[in-house]
Every structure is written in C-alpha cells, then in structure tokens.
Amino acid sequence: MFNYKRKIKMEKTKALVVNYIDKEEFSNEMDIHASECREAREKGLPEPKCSESIGKKFLLIATNVANKGNFYNYSYKEEMISDALENMVRYKHNYRKDRGAAFSYFTQYAIYAFIARIKGEKKGQVKRMKWMQKIALHEITPHVLNDNDLDQDFRNEYAEWLIQFADDYTTEE
C-alpha cells in the first residue's frame, strides 16, 4: 500500500542542490575584471584590485577543491589553499571568456597549485629521509641508544631499519 503522507514528508526533507558559485555570473564578472587588468597593463598602470565577490569566489573554489578526496588528508592543506589563491590572483588577467567558464579555469589553477605543493613537500621529506640515512650510524645511534641500555645487536638492527626505511621511502618517489 502506498503511503501518500510519507512521500510528501520525504520530498520536504530533500535538500536542494545549489551550486556554491553561479558559473555564468562569475564568468561575466571575471571577464570584465580581466579585461580591465589587461588594459591597465597595456597603459603601464597597476592592475586594479579584485572585488570582494571575486575574492570570496576564489576562496570558495580553493577550499572546496581542498576538501575533495584527493587533497583533504594533507596536514599542509592551508598552505595548499594559500598557494592556489596566490596563483589565481597572479594569473587572473589571463582569463578570457571565450576559452571557457571562469569556474573551471580557476579550479584548474587550484588543482595544479595543490599538486605543486604536494610535490614540493614530498621533495622535502625525501631530503629529510636522506639526511637521516646519512647520519643514522654516525650521530643518531650513539646518542639515542645508550650502550648501557641496549645491546649492540639492537643498535645495529635499529640503524639498518632506519637506512632501509629511508631507502624505501626515497624509491617510492
């Protein structure tokens, strides 16, 4: 038997899907601003500042991309967002409406900024791992592992593990 009241109640509780940025409005706004920026560059004047609405939309794009499954678990998510915002503001004058929607254009800037930050952080981790590997036997082992507390076999195992860990981590790259 069909429960009509239940169906109405379910329809009322469904959330409306609302885009967080109106793509057409954002494209029009960015087209006007980008053309103003290009005109100022041609005349040798400083670029006009972004309006508050453009800045808010840049921030929304960057934070929503950061919350996607690819990027949400990184501890340096704030740095990734700030890199994306910096790239969006730096290259805003390159936008042209005939190339596509502003939303997708600046979303790509955010994604590429995130990827660049992740690669940079991984390079830093590799450098730290190689540094640990180099000093594992010479500096860390004697100071961290005292002769009185542990036997020589354990110290050797620890040093070998540290070297192997660093090697495995650097070969994953």
N, C-alpha and C. Protein backbone atom coordinates (compact mmCIF):
# COMPACT_ATOMS: atom_id res chain seq x y z
N MET A 1 0.84 -1.18 0.00
CA MET A 1 0.00 0.00 0.00
C MET A 1 0.89 1.25 0.00
N PHE A 2 0.51 2.24 -0.74
CA PHE A 2 1.30 3.46 -0.91
C PHE A 2 0.93 4.48 0.17
N ASN A 3 1.93 4.97 0.89
CA ASN A 3 1.68 5.95 1.95
C ASN A 3 1.94 7.35 1.39
N TYR A 4 0.89 8.07 1.08
CA TYR A 4 1.00 9.37 0.45
C TYR A 4 1.64 10.40 1.39
N LYS A 5 1.27 10.37 2.68
CA LYS A 5 1.83 11.33 3.63
C LYS A 5 3.34 11.15 3.79
N ARG A 6 3.78 9.92 3.79
CA ARG A 6 5.21 9.66 3.91
C ARG A 6 5.98 10.23 2.71
N LYS A 7 5.42 10.09 1.51
CA LYS A 7 6.08 10.60 0.32
C LYS A 7 6.21 12.13 0.40
N ILE A 8 5.21 12.82 0.82
CA ILE A 8 5.26 14.28 0.95
C ILE A 8 6.31 14.67 1.98
N LYS A 9 6.36 13.96 3.08
CA LYS A 9 7.33 14.27 4.12
C LYS A 9 8.76 14.07 3.60
N MET A 10 8.99 13.00 2.83
CA MET A 10 10.31 12.75 2.27
C MET A 10 10.69 13.83 1.27
N GLU A 11 9.73 14.30 0.46
CA GLU A 11 10.03 15.34 -0.52
C GLU A 11 10.40 16.65 0.15
N LYS A 12 9.80 16.94 1.29
CA LYS A 12 10.10 18.17 2.00
C LYS A 12 11.50 18.15 2.60
N THR A 13 11.98 16.98 3.00
CA THR A 13 13.29 16.90 3.66
C THR A 13 14.45 16.81 2.67
N LYS A 14 14.16 16.57 1.39
CA LYS A 14 15.25 16.50 0.42
C LYS A 14 15.91 17.87 0.31
N ALA A 15 17.22 17.84 0.34
CA ALA A 15 17.98 19.09 0.22
C ALA A 15 18.05 19.51 -1.24
N LEU A 16 17.88 20.79 -1.45
CA LEU A 16 18.01 21.31 -2.80
C LEU A 16 19.49 21.42 -3.15
N VAL A 17 19.84 21.00 -4.34
CA VAL A 17 21.22 21.08 -4.78
C VAL A 17 21.44 22.49 -5.33
N VAL A 18 22.27 23.23 -4.65
CA VAL A 18 22.56 24.60 -5.05
C VAL A 18 24.05 24.70 -5.29
N ASN A 19 24.42 25.20 -6.45
CA ASN A 19 25.84 25.42 -6.72
C ASN A 19 26.34 26.56 -5.86
N TYR A 20 27.54 26.41 -5.34
CA TYR A 20 28.06 27.42 -4.45
C TYR A 20 28.57 28.64 -5.19
N ILE A 21 28.74 28.54 -6.52
CA ILE A 21 29.13 29.68 -7.34
C ILE A 21 28.30 29.64 -8.61
N ASP A 22 27.67 30.76 -8.95
CA ASP A 22 26.94 30.86 -10.20
C ASP A 22 27.97 31.03 -11.32
N LYS A 23 28.10 30.02 -12.15
CA LYS A 23 29.18 29.97 -13.13
C LYS A 23 29.08 31.09 -14.16
N GLU A 24 27.89 31.39 -14.61
CA GLU A 24 27.71 32.43 -15.62
C GLU A 24 28.03 33.81 -15.05
N GLU A 25 27.54 34.06 -13.86
CA GLU A 25 27.82 35.35 -13.21
C GLU A 25 29.31 35.52 -12.95
N PHE A 26 29.95 34.46 -12.48
CA PHE A 26 31.38 34.51 -12.20
C PHE A 26 32.17 34.72 -13.49
N SER A 27 31.77 34.07 -14.56
CA SER A 27 32.46 34.24 -15.85
C SER A 27 32.34 35.68 -16.34
N ASN A 28 31.14 36.25 -16.24
CA ASN A 28 30.95 37.63 -16.67
C ASN A 28 31.77 38.59 -15.83
N GLU A 29 31.73 38.40 -14.52
CA GLU A 29 32.48 39.25 -13.60
C GLU A 29 33.99 39.16 -13.86
N MET A 30 34.47 37.96 -14.08
CA MET A 30 35.91 37.78 -14.32
C MET A 30 36.31 38.31 -15.69
N ASP A 31 35.43 38.19 -16.67
CA ASP A 31 35.75 38.72 -18.00
C ASP A 31 35.93 40.23 -17.93
N ILE A 32 35.05 40.90 -17.24
CA ILE A 32 35.16 42.35 -17.08
C ILE A 32 36.44 42.72 -16.34
N HIS A 33 36.69 42.02 -15.24
CA HIS A 33 37.88 42.33 -14.42
C HIS A 33 39.17 42.01 -15.18
N ALA A 34 39.20 40.91 -15.88
CA ALA A 34 40.41 40.53 -16.62
C ALA A 34 40.69 41.53 -17.74
N SER A 35 39.65 42.00 -18.41
CA SER A 35 39.87 42.99 -19.46
C SER A 35 40.38 44.31 -18.87
N GLU A 36 39.87 44.69 -17.69
CA GLU A 36 40.38 45.88 -17.00
C GLU A 36 41.85 45.71 -16.64
N CYS A 37 42.21 44.51 -16.19
CA CYS A 37 43.62 44.23 -15.84
C CYS A 37 44.51 44.32 -17.08
N ARG A 38 44.05 43.76 -18.19
CA ARG A 38 44.85 43.81 -19.42
C ARG A 38 45.02 45.25 -19.92
N GLU A 39 43.95 46.03 -19.84
CA GLU A 39 44.03 47.43 -20.25
C GLU A 39 45.02 48.21 -19.37
N ALA A 40 44.98 47.96 -18.08
CA ALA A 40 45.91 48.64 -17.16
C ALA A 40 47.34 48.24 -17.46
N ARG A 41 47.58 46.98 -17.79
CA ARG A 41 48.94 46.54 -18.12
C ARG A 41 49.44 47.21 -19.40
N GLU A 42 48.56 47.33 -20.38
CA GLU A 42 48.95 47.96 -21.64
C GLU A 42 49.32 49.43 -21.44
N LYS A 43 48.62 50.10 -20.52
CA LYS A 43 48.88 51.51 -20.26
C LYS A 43 50.02 51.70 -19.26
N GLY A 44 50.53 50.62 -18.70
CA GLY A 44 51.61 50.71 -17.72
C GLY A 44 51.14 51.09 -16.33
N LEU A 45 49.88 50.95 -16.06
CA LEU A 45 49.30 51.25 -14.75
C LEU A 45 49.24 49.98 -13.91
N PRO A 46 49.15 50.14 -12.59
CA PRO A 46 48.98 48.93 -11.76
C PRO A 46 47.61 48.30 -11.99
N GLU A 47 47.57 46.99 -11.84
CA GLU A 47 46.31 46.28 -12.04
C GLU A 47 45.30 46.67 -10.98
N PRO A 48 44.02 46.75 -11.34
CA PRO A 48 43.00 47.02 -10.31
C PRO A 48 42.87 45.83 -9.37
N LYS A 49 42.48 46.12 -8.15
CA LYS A 49 42.31 45.04 -7.17
C LYS A 49 41.05 44.24 -7.49
N CYS A 50 41.06 43.00 -7.04
CA CYS A 50 39.88 42.16 -7.20
C CYS A 50 38.76 42.68 -6.31
N SER A 51 37.54 42.52 -6.79
CA SER A 51 36.41 42.89 -5.94
C SER A 51 36.28 41.85 -4.83
N GLU A 52 35.53 42.20 -3.83
CA GLU A 52 35.35 41.28 -2.70
C GLU A 52 34.63 40.00 -3.14
N SER A 53 33.68 40.14 -4.07
CA SER A 53 32.95 38.95 -4.52
C SER A 53 33.87 38.00 -5.29
N ILE A 54 34.79 38.54 -6.09
CA ILE A 54 35.74 37.68 -6.80
C ILE A 54 36.65 36.99 -5.79
N GLY A 55 37.13 37.71 -4.81
CA GLY A 55 37.98 37.11 -3.77
C GLY A 55 37.28 36.01 -3.01
N LYS A 56 36.02 36.23 -2.68
CA LYS A 56 35.25 35.20 -1.97
C LYS A 56 35.08 33.95 -2.85
N LYS A 57 34.86 34.19 -4.13
CA LYS A 57 34.69 33.04 -5.03
C LYS A 57 36.01 32.28 -5.21
N PHE A 58 37.12 33.00 -5.27
CA PHE A 58 38.42 32.33 -5.31
C PHE A 58 38.61 31.47 -4.07
N LEU A 59 38.28 32.03 -2.91
CA LEU A 59 38.43 31.29 -1.65
C LEU A 59 37.51 30.08 -1.61
N LEU A 60 36.27 30.23 -2.08
CA LEU A 60 35.35 29.09 -2.13
C LEU A 60 35.87 27.98 -3.03
N ILE A 61 36.38 28.36 -4.19
CA ILE A 61 36.92 27.36 -5.11
C ILE A 61 38.08 26.61 -4.46
N ALA A 62 39.02 27.36 -3.88
CA ALA A 62 40.20 26.74 -3.29
C ALA A 62 39.83 25.83 -2.11
N THR A 63 38.95 26.28 -1.24
CA THR A 63 38.60 25.46 -0.07
C THR A 63 37.79 24.23 -0.48
N ASN A 64 36.92 24.36 -1.46
CA ASN A 64 36.14 23.19 -1.88
C ASN A 64 37.00 22.17 -2.62
N VAL A 65 37.97 22.63 -3.37
CA VAL A 65 38.90 21.68 -4.01
C VAL A 65 39.74 21.00 -2.94
N ALA A 66 40.13 21.76 -1.91
CA ALA A 66 40.94 21.19 -0.83
C ALA A 66 40.17 20.13 -0.04
N ASN A 67 38.86 20.22 -0.04
CA ASN A 67 38.05 19.24 0.70
C ASN A 67 37.65 18.04 -0.15
N LYS A 68 38.12 17.99 -1.39
CA LYS A 68 37.88 16.81 -2.21
C LYS A 68 38.71 15.64 -1.68
N GLY A 69 38.35 14.46 -2.06
CA GLY A 69 39.02 13.26 -1.55
C GLY A 69 40.51 13.20 -1.84
N ASN A 70 40.95 13.81 -2.92
CA ASN A 70 42.36 13.75 -3.28
C ASN A 70 43.24 14.53 -2.32
N PHE A 71 42.69 15.58 -1.72
CA PHE A 71 43.53 16.53 -1.00
C PHE A 71 43.18 16.74 0.47
N TYR A 72 42.10 16.18 1.00
CA TYR A 72 41.63 16.59 2.32
C TYR A 72 42.47 16.05 3.47
N ASN A 73 43.29 15.06 3.27
CA ASN A 73 44.01 14.45 4.39
C ASN A 73 45.42 15.01 4.60
N TYR A 74 45.82 16.00 3.84
CA TYR A 74 47.17 16.53 3.99
C TYR A 74 47.22 17.51 5.16
N SER A 75 48.32 17.47 5.90
CA SER A 75 48.45 18.34 7.06
C SER A 75 48.75 19.77 6.65
N TYR A 76 49.18 20.00 5.44
CA TYR A 76 49.52 21.33 4.97
C TYR A 76 48.45 21.85 4.00
N LYS A 77 47.19 21.57 4.33
CA LYS A 77 46.08 21.98 3.48
C LYS A 77 45.95 23.51 3.40
N GLU A 78 46.23 24.21 4.50
CA GLU A 78 46.15 25.67 4.49
C GLU A 78 47.19 26.26 3.53
N GLU A 79 48.37 25.68 3.50
CA GLU A 79 49.40 26.15 2.58
C GLU A 79 48.98 25.91 1.13
N MET A 80 48.33 24.77 0.89
CA MET A 80 47.86 24.48 -0.46
C MET A 80 46.81 25.50 -0.89
N ILE A 81 45.91 25.84 0.02
CA ILE A 81 44.88 26.82 -0.29
C ILE A 81 45.50 28.18 -0.57
N SER A 82 46.47 28.58 0.24
CA SER A 82 47.09 29.88 0.02
C SER A 82 47.89 29.90 -1.30
N ASP A 83 48.52 28.79 -1.65
CA ASP A 83 49.20 28.71 -2.95
C ASP A 83 48.20 28.86 -4.10
N ALA A 84 47.06 28.20 -3.96
CA ALA A 84 46.03 28.29 -5.00
C ALA A 84 45.51 29.72 -5.13
N LEU A 85 45.26 30.36 -4.00
CA LEU A 85 44.78 31.74 -4.04
C LEU A 85 45.82 32.66 -4.68
N GLU A 86 47.08 32.45 -4.33
CA GLU A 86 48.14 33.26 -4.91
C GLU A 86 48.19 33.10 -6.43
N ASN A 87 48.09 31.87 -6.92
CA ASN A 87 48.10 31.63 -8.36
C ASN A 87 46.88 32.24 -9.05
N MET A 88 45.73 32.13 -8.41
CA MET A 88 44.52 32.68 -9.01
C MET A 88 44.63 34.20 -9.16
N VAL A 89 45.11 34.85 -8.12
CA VAL A 89 45.23 36.31 -8.17
C VAL A 89 46.34 36.73 -9.13
N ARG A 90 47.43 35.98 -9.15
CA ARG A 90 48.56 36.34 -10.00
C ARG A 90 48.20 36.23 -11.49
N TYR A 91 47.42 35.23 -11.86
CA TYR A 91 47.13 34.99 -13.27
C TYR A 91 45.69 35.31 -13.67
N LYS A 92 45.01 36.10 -12.88
CA LYS A 92 43.61 36.43 -13.18
C LYS A 92 43.48 37.19 -14.50
N HIS A 93 44.50 37.94 -14.88
CA HIS A 93 44.44 38.73 -16.11
C HIS A 93 44.47 37.85 -17.37
N ASN A 94 44.88 36.60 -17.24
CA ASN A 94 44.95 35.70 -18.40
C ASN A 94 43.59 35.12 -18.80
N TYR A 95 42.59 35.29 -17.94
CA TYR A 95 41.28 34.69 -18.23
C TYR A 95 40.62 35.39 -19.42
N ARG A 96 40.05 34.58 -20.30
CA ARG A 96 39.23 35.08 -21.40
C ARG A 96 37.96 34.21 -21.46
N LYS A 97 36.84 34.88 -21.57
CA LYS A 97 35.57 34.17 -21.52
C LYS A 97 35.40 33.20 -22.69
N ASP A 98 35.97 33.51 -23.84
CA ASP A 98 35.80 32.64 -25.00
C ASP A 98 36.54 31.31 -24.85
N ARG A 99 37.45 31.20 -23.88
CA ARG A 99 38.18 29.94 -23.66
C ARG A 99 37.40 28.97 -22.77
N GLY A 100 36.41 29.45 -22.05
CA GLY A 100 35.62 28.57 -21.20
C GLY A 100 35.14 29.30 -19.95
N ALA A 101 34.51 28.55 -19.09
CA ALA A 101 33.95 29.12 -17.87
C ALA A 101 35.05 29.47 -16.87
N ALA A 102 34.85 30.56 -16.17
CA ALA A 102 35.84 31.01 -15.19
C ALA A 102 35.96 30.00 -14.05
N PHE A 103 34.86 29.39 -13.70
CA PHE A 103 34.87 28.42 -12.60
C PHE A 103 35.85 27.28 -12.88
N SER A 104 35.76 26.68 -14.06
CA SER A 104 36.65 25.56 -14.39
C SER A 104 38.08 26.05 -14.58
N TYR A 105 38.24 27.25 -15.13
CA TYR A 105 39.57 27.82 -15.35
C TYR A 105 40.32 27.98 -14.03
N PHE A 106 39.67 28.57 -13.04
CA PHE A 106 40.34 28.81 -11.76
C PHE A 106 40.37 27.55 -10.89
N THR A 107 39.46 26.62 -11.12
CA THR A 107 39.55 25.34 -10.42
C THR A 107 40.81 24.60 -10.84
N GLN A 108 41.14 24.67 -12.13
CA GLN A 108 42.38 24.04 -12.60
C GLN A 108 43.61 24.70 -11.97
N TYR A 109 43.58 26.02 -11.80
CA TYR A 109 44.69 26.69 -11.12
C TYR A 109 44.84 26.15 -9.70
N ALA A 110 43.72 25.94 -9.02
CA ALA A 110 43.78 25.43 -7.65
C ALA A 110 44.34 24.01 -7.63
N ILE A 111 43.89 23.17 -8.52
CA ILE A 111 44.36 21.78 -8.55
C ILE A 111 45.85 21.72 -8.83
N TYR A 112 46.31 22.50 -9.81
CA TYR A 112 47.74 22.49 -10.13
C TYR A 112 48.59 23.07 -9.00
N ALA A 113 48.07 24.05 -8.29
CA ALA A 113 48.79 24.59 -7.14
C ALA A 113 48.89 23.55 -6.04
N PHE A 114 47.83 22.78 -5.83
CA PHE A 114 47.86 21.73 -4.81
C PHE A 114 48.87 20.67 -5.17
N ILE A 115 48.87 20.26 -6.43
CA ILE A 115 49.81 19.22 -6.86
C ILE A 115 51.25 19.70 -6.72
N ALA A 116 51.49 20.96 -7.07
CA ALA A 116 52.85 21.51 -6.93
C ALA A 116 53.27 21.54 -5.47
N ARG A 117 52.37 21.90 -4.57
CA ARG A 117 52.70 21.94 -3.13
C ARG A 117 52.99 20.53 -2.63
N ILE A 118 52.21 19.56 -3.04
CA ILE A 118 52.42 18.18 -2.60
C ILE A 118 53.78 17.68 -3.09
N LYS A 119 54.11 17.95 -4.34
CA LYS A 119 55.41 17.53 -4.86
C LYS A 119 56.55 18.19 -4.10
N GLY A 120 56.39 19.48 -3.79
CA GLY A 120 57.43 20.18 -3.02
C GLY A 120 57.59 19.62 -1.62
N GLU A 121 56.49 19.31 -0.97
CA GLU A 121 56.55 18.73 0.37
C GLU A 121 57.18 17.34 0.33
N LYS A 122 56.87 16.57 -0.69
CA LYS A 122 57.47 15.24 -0.80
C LYS A 122 58.97 15.33 -1.03
N LYS A 123 59.41 16.31 -1.83
CA LYS A 123 60.85 16.51 -2.03
C LYS A 123 61.52 16.85 -0.70
N GLY A 124 60.85 17.67 0.11
CA GLY A 124 61.40 18.00 1.42
C GLY A 124 61.49 16.77 2.31
N GLN A 125 60.48 15.91 2.25
CA GLN A 125 60.51 14.68 3.04
C GLN A 125 61.64 13.77 2.58
N VAL A 126 61.85 13.69 1.30
CA VAL A 126 62.93 12.85 0.77
C VAL A 126 64.27 13.37 1.26
N LYS A 127 64.45 14.69 1.24
CA LYS A 127 65.69 15.27 1.73
C LYS A 127 65.91 14.95 3.20
N ARG A 128 64.84 15.05 4.00
CA ARG A 128 64.97 14.72 5.43
C ARG A 128 65.29 13.25 5.64
N MET A 129 64.69 12.38 4.82
CA MET A 129 64.97 10.95 4.93
C MET A 129 66.42 10.64 4.56
N LYS A 130 66.91 11.27 3.50
CA LYS A 130 68.30 11.05 3.11
C LYS A 130 69.25 11.56 4.17
N TRP A 131 68.89 12.68 4.78
CA TRP A 131 69.71 13.21 5.87
C TRP A 131 69.74 12.23 7.03
N MET A 132 68.59 11.68 7.39
CA MET A 132 68.53 10.70 8.48
C MET A 132 69.36 9.48 8.14
N GLN A 133 69.31 9.07 6.90
CA GLN A 133 70.06 7.90 6.48
C GLN A 133 71.57 8.14 6.61
N LYS A 134 72.02 9.33 6.24
CA LYS A 134 73.44 9.63 6.28
C LYS A 134 73.99 9.66 7.70
N ILE A 135 73.19 10.18 8.63
CA ILE A 135 73.72 10.31 9.98
C ILE A 135 73.25 9.21 10.93
N ALA A 136 72.54 8.23 10.40
CA ALA A 136 72.00 7.18 11.26
C ALA A 136 73.09 6.46 12.04
N LEU A 137 74.12 6.05 11.38
CA LEU A 137 75.18 5.30 12.05
C LEU A 137 76.16 6.19 12.80
N HIS A 138 76.32 7.42 12.36
CA HIS A 138 77.38 8.25 12.91
C HIS A 138 76.95 9.10 14.10
N GLU A 139 75.75 9.69 14.04
CA GLU A 139 75.38 10.61 15.09
C GLU A 139 74.18 10.16 15.91
N ILE A 140 73.13 9.71 15.23
CA ILE A 140 71.90 9.40 15.95
C ILE A 140 72.06 8.17 16.83
N THR A 141 72.57 7.10 16.29
CA THR A 141 72.62 5.83 17.01
C THR A 141 73.38 5.93 18.34
N PRO A 142 74.59 6.47 18.39
CA PRO A 142 75.28 6.50 19.68
C PRO A 142 74.61 7.40 20.72
N HIS A 143 73.99 8.49 20.28
CA HIS A 143 73.38 9.42 21.23
C HIS A 143 72.01 8.97 21.69
N VAL A 144 71.24 8.41 20.77
CA VAL A 144 69.89 7.99 21.13
C VAL A 144 69.92 6.68 21.89
N LEU A 145 70.71 5.76 21.44
CA LEU A 145 70.76 4.45 22.06
C LEU A 145 72.02 4.34 22.91
N ASN A 146 71.85 4.40 24.18
CA ASN A 146 72.97 4.36 25.11
C ASN A 146 73.49 2.92 25.24
N ASP A 147 74.81 2.76 25.32
CA ASP A 147 75.42 1.42 25.43
C ASP A 147 74.92 0.67 26.66
N ASN A 148 74.65 1.36 27.73
CA ASN A 148 74.23 0.70 28.96
C ASN A 148 72.82 0.13 28.85
N ASP A 149 71.99 0.79 28.05
CA ASP A 149 70.59 0.38 27.99
C ASP A 149 70.34 -0.75 26.99
N LEU A 150 71.02 -0.73 25.87
CA LEU A 150 70.70 -1.67 24.81
C LEU A 150 71.95 -2.40 24.34
N ASP A 151 71.75 -3.56 23.82
CA ASP A 151 72.91 -4.30 23.33
C ASP A 151 73.25 -3.89 21.89
N GLN A 152 74.39 -4.32 21.43
CA GLN A 152 74.91 -3.94 20.12
C GLN A 152 74.03 -4.45 18.98
N ASP A 153 73.46 -5.63 19.14
CA ASP A 153 72.60 -6.18 18.08
C ASP A 153 71.39 -5.30 17.84
N PHE A 154 70.77 -4.85 18.92
CA PHE A 154 69.60 -3.99 18.76
C PHE A 154 69.98 -2.67 18.09
N ARG A 155 71.10 -2.09 18.45
CA ARG A 155 71.55 -0.84 17.83
C ARG A 155 71.79 -1.04 16.34
N ASN A 156 72.37 -2.17 15.98
CA ASN A 156 72.60 -2.45 14.57
C ASN A 156 71.28 -2.64 13.81
N GLU A 157 70.34 -3.34 14.45
CA GLU A 157 69.03 -3.52 13.82
C GLU A 157 68.34 -2.19 13.63
N TYR A 158 68.42 -1.34 14.63
CA TYR A 158 67.80 -0.02 14.55
C TYR A 158 68.42 0.79 13.41
N ALA A 159 69.73 0.79 13.30
CA ALA A 159 70.40 1.54 12.24
C ALA A 159 70.04 0.97 10.87
N GLU A 160 69.98 -0.35 10.75
CA GLU A 160 69.61 -0.97 9.48
C GLU A 160 68.17 -0.64 9.11
N TRP A 161 67.29 -0.68 10.10
CA TRP A 161 65.89 -0.34 9.85
C TRP A 161 65.77 1.10 9.37
N LEU A 162 66.48 2.02 10.00
CA LEU A 162 66.43 3.42 9.63
C LEU A 162 66.93 3.62 8.20
N ILE A 163 68.00 2.97 7.84
CA ILE A 163 68.53 3.07 6.49
C ILE A 163 67.55 2.46 5.48
N GLN A 164 66.99 1.29 5.81
CA GLN A 164 66.04 0.64 4.92
C GLN A 164 64.78 1.49 4.75
N PHE A 165 64.31 2.07 5.83
CA PHE A 165 63.13 2.92 5.78
C PHE A 165 63.36 4.12 4.85
N ALA A 166 64.51 4.75 4.99
CA ALA A 166 64.85 5.89 4.14
C ALA A 166 64.98 5.46 2.69
N ASP A 167 65.60 4.31 2.44
CA ASP A 167 65.73 3.81 1.07
C ASP A 167 64.37 3.52 0.44
N ASP A 168 63.50 2.84 1.20
CA ASP A 168 62.17 2.52 0.70
C ASP A 168 61.37 3.77 0.41
N TYR A 169 61.50 4.75 1.28
CA TYR A 169 60.73 5.98 1.11
C TYR A 169 61.22 6.76 -0.11
N THR A 170 62.51 6.79 -0.35
CA THR A 170 63.03 7.54 -1.49
C THR A 170 62.79 6.82 -2.80
N THR A 171 62.69 5.48 -2.79
CA THR A 171 62.44 4.77 -4.04
C THR A 171 60.96 4.82 -4.43
N GLU A 172 60.06 5.12 -3.49
CA GLU A 172 58.65 5.28 -3.82
C GLU A 172 58.43 6.46 -4.72
N GLU A 173 59.26 7.45 -4.61
CA GLU A 173 59.16 8.67 -5.40
C GLU A 173 59.35 8.32 -6.82
